[in-house]
């Protein structure tokens, strides 16, 4: 597998994980409601590391996109 193919595979897998996280978040929000305090400061359950984990995956997707096209970020 070429480097580009491996990067595209990783990017696709990350996007699928992000979509699943979004689905879980929306389900949780519909069932439980979410306040800003819950979202920003929760120390348990689904929301504990949600923001940081999602942000890290999103940044990796951006990095991969830059690597694939050869641009510098």
Protein backbone atom coordinates (compact mmCIF):
# COMPACT_ATOMS: atom_id res chain seq x y z
CA UNK A 1 0.00 0.00 0.00
CA UNK A 2 1.39 3.39 -0.94
CA UNK A 3 1.84 6.15 1.60
CA UNK A 4 -1.01 8.10 0.04
CA UNK A 5 -3.31 5.07 0.12
CA UNK A 6 -2.43 4.45 3.77
CA UNK A 7 -3.12 8.11 4.62
CA UNK A 8 -6.45 8.04 2.79
CA UNK A 9 -7.40 4.84 4.62
CA UNK A 10 -6.52 6.42 7.97
CA UNK A 11 -8.48 9.56 7.06
CA UNK A 12 -11.52 7.51 6.09
CA UNK A 13 -11.37 5.53 9.34
CA UNK A 14 -11.08 8.73 11.39
CA UNK A 15 -14.05 10.29 9.61
CA UNK A 16 -16.14 7.17 10.28
CA UNK A 17 -15.22 7.34 13.99
CA UNK A 18 -16.09 11.03 14.08
CA UNK A 19 -19.48 10.37 12.47
CA UNK A 20 -20.17 7.65 15.03
CA UNK A 21 -19.19 10.01 17.85
CA UNK A 22 -21.57 12.63 16.45
CA UNK A 23 -24.39 10.06 16.28
CA UNK A 24 -23.76 9.02 19.90
CA UNK A 25 -23.63 12.66 21.00
CA UNK A 26 -26.93 13.51 19.31
CA UNK A 27 -28.58 10.39 20.80
CA UNK A 28 -27.29 11.33 24.25
CA UNK A 29 -28.44 14.92 23.82
CA UNK A 30 -31.95 13.84 22.77
CA UNK A 31 -32.27 11.43 25.70
CA UNK A 32 -30.63 13.50 28.44
CA UNK A 33 -30.33 17.07 27.27
CA UNK A 34 -26.96 18.75 27.53
CA UNK A 35 -26.04 21.96 29.22
CA UNK A 36 -22.90 23.92 28.45
CA UNK A 37 -21.62 22.85 31.86
CA UNK A 38 -22.14 19.17 30.97
CA UNK A 39 -20.40 19.58 27.64
CA UNK A 40 -17.40 21.53 28.90
CA UNK A 41 -16.85 20.12 32.38
CA UNK A 42 -18.28 16.60 32.53
CA UNK A 43 -15.92 14.17 34.23
CA UNK A 44 -17.76 10.95 33.44
CA UNK A 45 -19.57 9.07 30.72
CA UNK A 46 -19.76 9.93 27.05
CA UNK A 47 -18.85 13.59 27.47
CA UNK A 48 -15.74 13.13 29.64
CA UNK A 49 -13.19 13.27 26.83
CA UNK A 50 -15.50 13.93 23.88
CA UNK A 51 -14.33 17.43 22.95
CA UNK A 52 -10.62 16.66 23.16
CA UNK A 53 -10.85 13.32 21.37
CA UNK A 54 -13.02 14.73 18.59
CA UNK A 55 -10.76 17.77 18.15
CA UNK A 56 -7.66 15.55 17.95
CA UNK A 57 -9.25 13.39 15.27
CA UNK A 58 -10.39 16.44 13.30
CA UNK A 59 -6.91 17.94 13.41
CA UNK A 60 -5.40 14.64 12.22
CA UNK A 61 -7.85 14.60 9.29
CA UNK A 62 -6.71 18.13 8.36
CA UNK A 63 -3.04 17.11 8.68
CA UNK A 64 -3.60 14.09 6.44
CA UNK A 65 -5.34 16.24 3.82
CA UNK A 66 -2.34 18.56 3.77
CA UNK A 67 0.08 15.63 3.48
CA UNK A 68 -1.86 14.11 0.59
CA UNK A 69 -1.84 17.31 -1.46
CA UNK A 70 1.67 18.26 -0.38
CA UNK A 71 0.80 21.56 1.24
CA UNK A 72 2.29 22.79 4.45
CA UNK A 73 0.11 23.54 7.42
